[in-house]
Amino acid sequence: MPSLDLGARGWTKPWSDDAGGACVEVKKLADGRVAVRQSTDPGGPALVFTTREMTSFLTGVKSGDADFLL
């Protein structure tokens, strides 16, 4: 989905970055879904996830399921 369709306000960086500003931004939508976009491309696409999908993703990250990426 084009992130511009979701509005310019309400996007936040959930943590500070050491990548020179190249990080993700997130926005909680009115219906409870969460949108994620690249901070260096605010007019580009956004991925939109349900609360259940985000909960599953974050639970997996916290339990080490994504450690292979490091």
PDB file of N, CA and C in Angstrom:
ATOM      1  N   MET A   1       0.852  -1.166   0.000  1.00  0.00           N
ATOM      2  CA  MET A   1       0.000   0.000   0.000  1.00  0.00           C
ATOM      3  C   MET A   1       0.904   1.236   0.000  1.00  0.00           C
ATOM      4  N   PRO A   2       0.603   2.253  -0.791  1.00  0.00           N
ATOM      5  CA  PRO A   2       1.394   3.485  -0.746  1.00  0.00           C
ATOM      6  C   PRO A   2       1.271   4.141   0.631  1.00  0.00           C
ATOM      7  N   SER A   3       2.399   4.454   1.243  1.00  0.00           N
ATOM      8  CA  SER A   3       2.341   5.036   2.585  1.00  0.00           C
ATOM      9  C   SER A   3       1.664   6.401   2.588  1.00  0.00           C
ATOM     10  N   LEU A   4       1.692   7.101   1.457  1.00  0.00           N
ATOM     11  CA  LEU A   4       1.016   8.396   1.392  1.00  0.00           C
ATOM     12  C   LEU A   4      -0.492   8.248   1.590  1.00  0.00           C
ATOM     13  N   ASP A   5      -1.038   7.084   1.237  1.00  0.00           N
ATOM     14  CA  ASP A   5      -2.467   6.831   1.456  1.00  0.00           C
ATOM     15  C   ASP A   5      -2.811   6.748   2.940  1.00  0.00           C
ATOM     16  N   LEU A   6      -1.802   6.562   3.779  1.00  0.00           N
ATOM     17  CA  LEU A   6      -2.015   6.429   5.223  1.00  0.00           C
ATOM     18  C   LEU A   6      -1.813   7.743   5.968  1.00  0.00           C
ATOM     19  N   GLY A   7      -1.472   8.805   5.250  1.00  0.00           N
ATOM     20  CA  GLY A   7      -1.273  10.112   5.868  1.00  0.00           C
ATOM     21  C   GLY A   7       0.169  10.336   6.289  1.00  0.00           C
ATOM     22  N   ALA A   8       0.521  11.600   6.431  1.00  0.00           N
ATOM     23  CA  ALA A   8       1.895  11.972   6.774  1.00  0.00           C
ATOM     24  C   ALA A   8       2.141  11.986   8.279  1.00  0.00           C
ATOM     25  N   ARG A   9       1.112  12.144   9.065  1.00  0.00           N
ATOM     26  CA  ARG A   9       1.273  12.244  10.522  1.00  0.00           C
ATOM     27  C   ARG A   9       1.151  10.892  11.205  1.00  0.00           C
ATOM     28  N   GLY A  10       1.807  10.800  12.360  1.00  0.00           N
ATOM     29  CA  GLY A  10       1.672   9.608  13.182  1.00  0.00           C
ATOM     30  C   GLY A  10       2.746   8.558  12.985  1.00  0.00           C
ATOM     31  N   TRP A  11       3.655   8.765  12.065  1.00  0.00           N
ATOM     32  CA  TRP A  11       4.749   7.812  11.848  1.00  0.00           C
ATOM     33  C   TRP A  11       5.820   8.045  12.901  1.00  0.00           C
ATOM     34  N   THR A  12       6.327   6.970  13.499  1.00  0.00           N
ATOM     35  CA  THR A  12       7.379   7.083  14.506  1.00  0.00           C
ATOM     36  C   THR A  12       8.471   6.057  14.243  1.00  0.00           C
ATOM     37  N   LYS A  13       9.659   6.367  14.748  1.00  0.00           N
ATOM     38  CA  LYS A  13      10.770   5.411  14.722  1.00  0.00           C
ATOM     39  C   LYS A  13      10.782   4.745  16.092  1.00  0.00           C
ATOM     40  N   PRO A  14      10.503   3.440  16.158  1.00  0.00           N
ATOM     41  CA  PRO A  14      10.364   2.784  17.455  1.00  0.00           C
ATOM     42  C   PRO A  14      11.660   2.668  18.247  1.00  0.00           C
ATOM     43  N   TRP A  15      12.791   2.881  17.621  1.00  0.00           N
ATOM     44  CA  TRP A  15      14.072   2.854  18.319  1.00  0.00           C
ATOM     45  C   TRP A  15      15.035   3.723  17.546  1.00  0.00           C
ATOM     46  N   SER A  16      16.094   4.167  18.224  1.00  0.00           N
ATOM     47  CA  SER A  16      17.093   4.968  17.528  1.00  0.00           C
ATOM     48  C   SER A  16      17.943   4.049  16.664  1.00  0.00           C
ATOM     49  N   ASP A  17      18.544   4.630  15.650  1.00  0.00           N
ATOM     50  CA  ASP A  17      19.317   3.802  14.727  1.00  0.00           C
ATOM     51  C   ASP A  17      20.755   4.276  14.646  1.00  0.00           C
ATOM     52  N   ASP A  18      21.606   3.389  14.210  1.00  0.00           N
ATOM     53  CA  ASP A  18      23.004   3.709  13.947  1.00  0.00           C
ATOM     54  C   ASP A  18      23.298   3.603  12.454  1.00  0.00           C
ATOM     55  N   ALA A  19      22.257   3.655  11.643  1.00  0.00           N
ATOM     56  CA  ALA A  19      22.417   3.458  10.201  1.00  0.00           C
ATOM     57  C   ALA A  19      22.280   4.763   9.428  1.00  0.00           C
ATOM     58  N   GLY A  20      22.552   5.878  10.079  1.00  0.00           N
ATOM     59  CA  GLY A  20      22.483   7.149   9.386  1.00  0.00           C
ATOM     60  C   GLY A  20      21.083   7.549   8.970  1.00  0.00           C
ATOM     61  N   GLY A  21      20.087   7.155   9.739  1.00  0.00           N
ATOM     62  CA  GLY A  21      18.705   7.512   9.442  1.00  0.00           C
ATOM     63  C   GLY A  21      17.962   6.504   8.597  1.00  0.00           C
ATOM     64  N   ALA A  22      18.630   5.472   8.136  1.00  0.00           N
ATOM     65  CA  ALA A  22      17.983   4.447   7.311  1.00  0.00           C
ATOM     66  C   ALA A  22      17.389   3.372   8.214  1.00  0.00           C
ATOM     67  N   CYS A  23      16.168   3.573   8.630  1.00  0.00           N
ATOM     68  CA  CYS A  23      15.516   2.606   9.512  1.00  0.00           C
ATOM     69  C   CYS A  23      14.026   2.557   9.172  1.00  0.00           C
ATOM     70  N   VAL A  24      13.294   1.781   9.915  1.00  0.00           N
ATOM     71  CA  VAL A  24      11.859   1.686   9.669  1.00  0.00           C
ATOM     72  C   VAL A  24      11.097   2.676  10.536  1.00  0.00           C
ATOM     73  N   GLU A  25       9.933   3.051  10.057  1.00  0.00           N
ATOM     74  CA  GLU A  25       8.979   3.851  10.817  1.00  0.00           C
ATOM     75  C   GLU A  25       7.694   3.048  10.900  1.00  0.00           C
ATOM     76  N   VAL A  26       6.981   3.218  11.988  1.00  0.00           N
ATOM     77  CA  VAL A  26       5.731   2.492  12.181  1.00  0.00           C
ATOM     78  C   VAL A  26       4.608   3.468  12.497  1.00  0.00           C
ATOM     79  N   LYS A  27       3.396   3.023  12.201  1.00  0.00           N
ATOM     80  CA  LYS A  27       2.217   3.835  12.482  1.00  0.00           C
ATOM     81  C   LYS A  27       1.076   2.901  12.859  1.00  0.00           C
ATOM     82  N   LYS A  28       0.456   3.160  13.998  1.00  0.00           N
ATOM     83  CA  LYS A  28      -0.717   2.384  14.412  1.00  0.00           C
ATOM     84  C   LYS A  28      -1.927   2.998  13.717  1.00  0.00           C
ATOM     85  N   LEU A  29      -2.646   2.199  12.979  1.00  0.00           N
ATOM     86  CA  LEU A  29      -3.806   2.672  12.230  1.00  0.00           C
ATOM     87  C   LEU A  29      -5.055   2.633  13.101  1.00  0.00           C
ATOM     88  N   ALA A  30      -6.065   3.372  12.707  1.00  0.00           N
ATOM     89  CA  ALA A  30      -7.295   3.493  13.493  1.00  0.00           C
ATOM     90  C   ALA A  30      -7.970   2.148  13.736  1.00  0.00           C
ATOM     91  N   ASP A  31      -7.809   1.208  12.816  1.00  0.00           N
ATOM     92  CA  ASP A  31      -8.456  -0.105  12.968  1.00  0.00           C
ATOM     93  C   ASP A  31      -7.596  -1.103  13.740  1.00  0.00           C
ATOM     94  N   GLY A  32      -6.459  -0.640  14.280  1.00  0.00           N
ATOM     95  CA  GLY A  32      -5.599  -1.494  15.084  1.00  0.00           C
ATOM     96  C   GLY A  32      -4.435  -2.114  14.335  1.00  0.00           C
ATOM     97  N   ARG A  33      -4.461  -2.066  13.001  1.00  0.00           N
ATOM     98  CA  ARG A  33      -3.347  -2.613  12.231  1.00  0.00           C
ATOM     99  C   ARG A  33      -2.115  -1.722  12.400  1.00  0.00           C
ATOM    100  N   VAL A  34      -0.959  -2.251  12.022  1.00  0.00           N
ATOM    101  CA  VAL A  34       0.299  -1.521  12.128  1.00  0.00           C
ATOM    102  C   VAL A  34       0.925  -1.431  10.739  1.00  0.00           C
ATOM    103  N   ALA A  35       1.276  -0.213  10.336  1.00  0.00           N
ATOM    104  CA  ALA A  35       1.941   0.006   9.053  1.00  0.00           C
ATOM    105  C   ALA A  35       3.433   0.204   9.304  1.00  0.00           C
ATOM    106  N   VAL A  36       4.261  -0.305   8.394  1.00  0.00           N
ATOM    107  CA  VAL A  36       5.716  -0.201   8.488  1.00  0.00           C
ATOM    108  C   VAL A  36       6.230   0.311   7.148  1.00  0.00           C
ATOM    109  N   ARG A  37       7.110   1.329   7.201  1.00  0.00           N
ATOM    110  CA  ARG A  37       7.699   1.863   5.971  1.00  0.00           C
ATOM    111  C   ARG A  37       9.168   2.183   6.196  1.00  0.00           C
ATOM    112  N   GLN A  38       9.892   2.371   5.108  1.00  0.00           N
ATOM    113  CA  GLN A  38      11.304   2.744   5.154  1.00  0.00           C
ATOM    114  C   GLN A  38      11.399   4.246   5.395  1.00  0.00           C
ATOM    115  N   SER A  39      12.169   4.660   6.404  1.00  0.00           N
ATOM    116  CA  SER A  39      12.244   6.080   6.753  1.00  0.00           C
ATOM    117  C   SER A  39      12.854   6.933   5.653  1.00  0.00           C
ATOM    118  N   THR A  40      13.725   6.365   4.836  1.00  0.00           N
ATOM    119  CA  THR A  40      14.356   7.140   3.767  1.00  0.00           C
ATOM    120  C   THR A  40      13.475   7.260   2.529  1.00  0.00           C
ATOM    121  N   ASP A  41      12.326   6.596   2.540  1.00  0.00           N
ATOM    122  CA  ASP A  41      11.396   6.641   1.407  1.00  0.00           C
ATOM    123  C   ASP A  41       9.966   6.820   1.925  1.00  0.00           C
ATOM    124  N   PRO A  42       9.680   7.972   2.564  1.00  0.00           N
ATOM    125  CA  PRO A  42       8.366   8.163   3.177  1.00  0.00           C
ATOM    126  C   PRO A  42       7.206   8.168   2.185  1.00  0.00           C
ATOM    127  N   GLY A  43       7.484   8.350   0.920  1.00  0.00           N
ATOM    128  CA  GLY A  43       6.434   8.303  -0.087  1.00  0.00           C
ATOM    129  C   GLY A  43       6.294   6.940  -0.737  1.00  0.00           C
ATOM    130  N   GLY A  44       7.136   6.018  -0.326  1.00  0.00           N
ATOM    131  CA  GLY A  44       7.140   4.682  -0.911  1.00  0.00           C
ATOM    132  C   GLY A  44       6.094   3.774  -0.288  1.00  0.00           C
ATOM    133  N   PRO A  45       6.243   2.486  -0.514  1.00  0.00           N
ATOM    134  CA  PRO A  45       5.240   1.535  -0.025  1.00  0.00           C
ATOM    135  C   PRO A  45       5.320   1.321   1.480  1.00  0.00           C
ATOM    136  N   ALA A  46       4.198   0.912   2.036  1.00  0.00           N
ATOM    137  CA  ALA A  46       4.127   0.518   3.445  1.00  0.00           C
ATOM    138  C   ALA A  46       3.568  -0.896   3.505  1.00  0.00           C
ATOM    139  N   LEU A  47       4.108  -1.677   4.403  1.00  0.00           N
ATOM    140  CA  LEU A  47       3.556  -2.999   4.684  1.00  0.00           C
ATOM    141  C   LEU A  47       2.592  -2.841   5.849  1.00  0.00           C
ATOM    142  N   VAL A  48       1.429  -3.442   5.750  1.00  0.00           N
ATOM    143  CA  VAL A  48       0.408  -3.306   6.792  1.00  0.00           C
ATOM    144  C   VAL A  48       0.139  -4.682   7.387  1.00  0.00           C
ATOM    145  N   PHE A  49       0.234  -4.748   8.719  1.00  0.00           N
ATOM    146  CA  PHE A  49       0.080  -6.008   9.440  1.00  0.00           C
ATOM    147  C   PHE A  49      -1.053  -5.912  10.450  1.00  0.00           C
ATOM    148  N   THR A  50      -1.729  -7.027  10.678  1.00  0.00           N
ATOM    149  CA  THR A  50      -2.746  -7.080  11.727  1.00  0.00           C
ATOM    150  C   THR A  50      -2.045  -7.115  13.083  1.00  0.00           C
ATOM    151  N   THR A  51      -2.807  -6.847  14.130  1.00  0.00           N
ATOM    152  CA  THR A  51      -2.256  -6.929  15.480  1.00  0.00           C
ATOM    153  C   THR A  51      -1.738  -8.338  15.745  1.00  0.00           C
ATOM    154  N   ARG A  52      -2.463  -9.335  15.303  1.00  0.00           N
ATOM    155  CA  ARG A  52      -2.047 -10.726  15.502  1.00  0.00           C
ATOM    156  C   ARG A  52      -0.721 -11.016  14.793  1.00  0.00           C
ATOM    157  N   GLU A  53      -0.571 -10.520  13.575  1.00  0.00           N
ATOM    158  CA  GLU A  53       0.675 -10.726  12.839  1.00  0.00           C
ATOM    159  C   GLU A  53       1.852 -10.049  13.537  1.00  0.00           C
ATOM    160  N   MET A  54       1.655  -8.821  14.003  1.00  0.00           N
ATOM    161  CA  MET A  54       2.728  -8.109  14.696  1.00  0.00           C
ATOM    162  C   MET A  54       3.079  -8.791  16.007  1.00  0.00           C
ATOM    163  N   THR A  55       2.074  -9.257  16.730  1.00  0.00           N
ATOM    164  CA  THR A  55       2.327  -9.961  17.989  1.00  0.00           C
ATOM    165  C   THR A  55       3.147 -11.217  17.741  1.00  0.00           C
ATOM    166  N   SER A  56       2.791 -11.969  16.717  1.00  0.00           N
ATOM    167  CA  SER A  56       3.522 -13.184  16.377  1.00  0.00           C
ATOM    168  C   SER A  56       4.961 -12.860  15.979  1.00  0.00           C
ATOM    169  N   PHE A  57       5.151 -11.841  15.175  1.00  0.00           N
ATOM    170  CA  PHE A  57       6.487 -11.434  14.747  1.00  0.00           C
ATOM    171  C   PHE A  57       7.344 -11.024  15.941  1.00  0.00           C
ATOM    172  N   LEU A  58       6.819 -10.148  16.783  1.00  0.00           N
ATOM    173  CA  LEU A  58       7.592  -9.660  17.926  1.00  0.00           C
ATOM    174  C   LEU A  58       7.880 -10.767  18.931  1.00  0.00           C
ATOM    175  N   THR A  59       6.936 -11.661  19.133  1.00  0.00           N
ATOM    176  CA  THR A  59       7.169 -12.802  20.022  1.00  0.00           C
ATOM    177  C   THR A  59       8.310 -13.661  19.490  1.00  0.00           C
ATOM    178  N   GLY A  60       8.311 -13.896  18.191  1.00  0.00           N
ATOM    179  CA  GLY A  60       9.386 -14.670  17.578  1.00  0.00           C
ATOM    180  C   GLY A  60      10.738 -13.997  17.697  1.00  0.00           C
ATOM    181  N   VAL A  61      10.774 -12.690  17.471  1.00  0.00           N
ATOM    182  CA  VAL A  61      12.034 -11.950  17.595  1.00  0.00           C
ATOM    183  C   VAL A  61      12.550 -12.031  19.029  1.00  0.00           C
ATOM    184  N   LYS A  62      11.660 -11.810  19.984  1.00  0.00           N
ATOM    185  CA  LYS A  62      12.066 -11.848  21.396  1.00  0.00           C
ATOM    186  C   LYS A  62      12.558 -13.224  21.822  1.00  0.00           C
ATOM    187  N   SER A  63      12.035 -14.265  21.213  1.00  0.00           N
ATOM    188  CA  SER A  63      12.445 -15.624  21.594  1.00  0.00           C
ATOM    189  C   SER A  63      13.671 -16.108  20.820  1.00  0.00           C
ATOM    190  N   GLY A  64      14.199 -15.263  19.925  1.00  0.00           N
ATOM    191  CA  GLY A  64      15.424 -15.603  19.212  1.00  0.00           C
ATOM    192  C   GLY A  64      15.233 -16.194  17.829  1.00  0.00           C
ATOM    193  N   ASP A  65      14.004 -16.254  17.347  1.00  0.00           N
ATOM    194  CA  ASP A  65      13.752 -16.853  16.033  1.00  0.00           C
ATOM    195  C   ASP A  65      14.433 -16.106  14.882  1.00  0.00           C
ATOM    196  N   ALA A  66      14.794 -14.842  15.090  1.00  0.00           N
ATOM    197  CA  ALA A  66      15.423 -14.058  14.027  1.00  0.00           C
ATOM    198  C   ALA A  66      16.919 -13.857  14.255  1.00  0.00           C
ATOM    199  N   ASP A  67      17.480 -14.519  15.251  1.00  0.00           N
ATOM    200  CA  ASP A  67      18.900 -14.336  15.557  1.00  0.00           C
ATOM    201  C   ASP A  67      19.812 -14.705  14.389  1.00  0.00           C
ATOM    202  N   PHE A  68      19.362 -15.593  13.522  1.00  0.00           N
ATOM    203  CA  PHE A  68      20.186 -15.992  12.373  1.00  0.00           C
ATOM    204  C   PHE A  68      20.447 -14.823  11.425  1.00  0.00           C
ATOM    205  N   LEU A  69      19.673 -13.745  11.547  1.00  0.00           N
ATOM    206  CA  LEU A  69      19.859 -12.580  10.688  1.00  0.00           C
ATOM    207  C   LEU A  69      21.037 -11.716  11.128  1.00  0.00           C
ATOM    208  N   LEU A  70      21.508 -11.926  12.330  1.00  0.00           N
ATOM    209  CA  LEU A  70      22.595 -11.095  12.865  1.00  0.00           C
ATOM    210  C   LEU A  70      23.954 -11.660  12.551  1.00  0.00           C
TER     211      LEU A  70
END
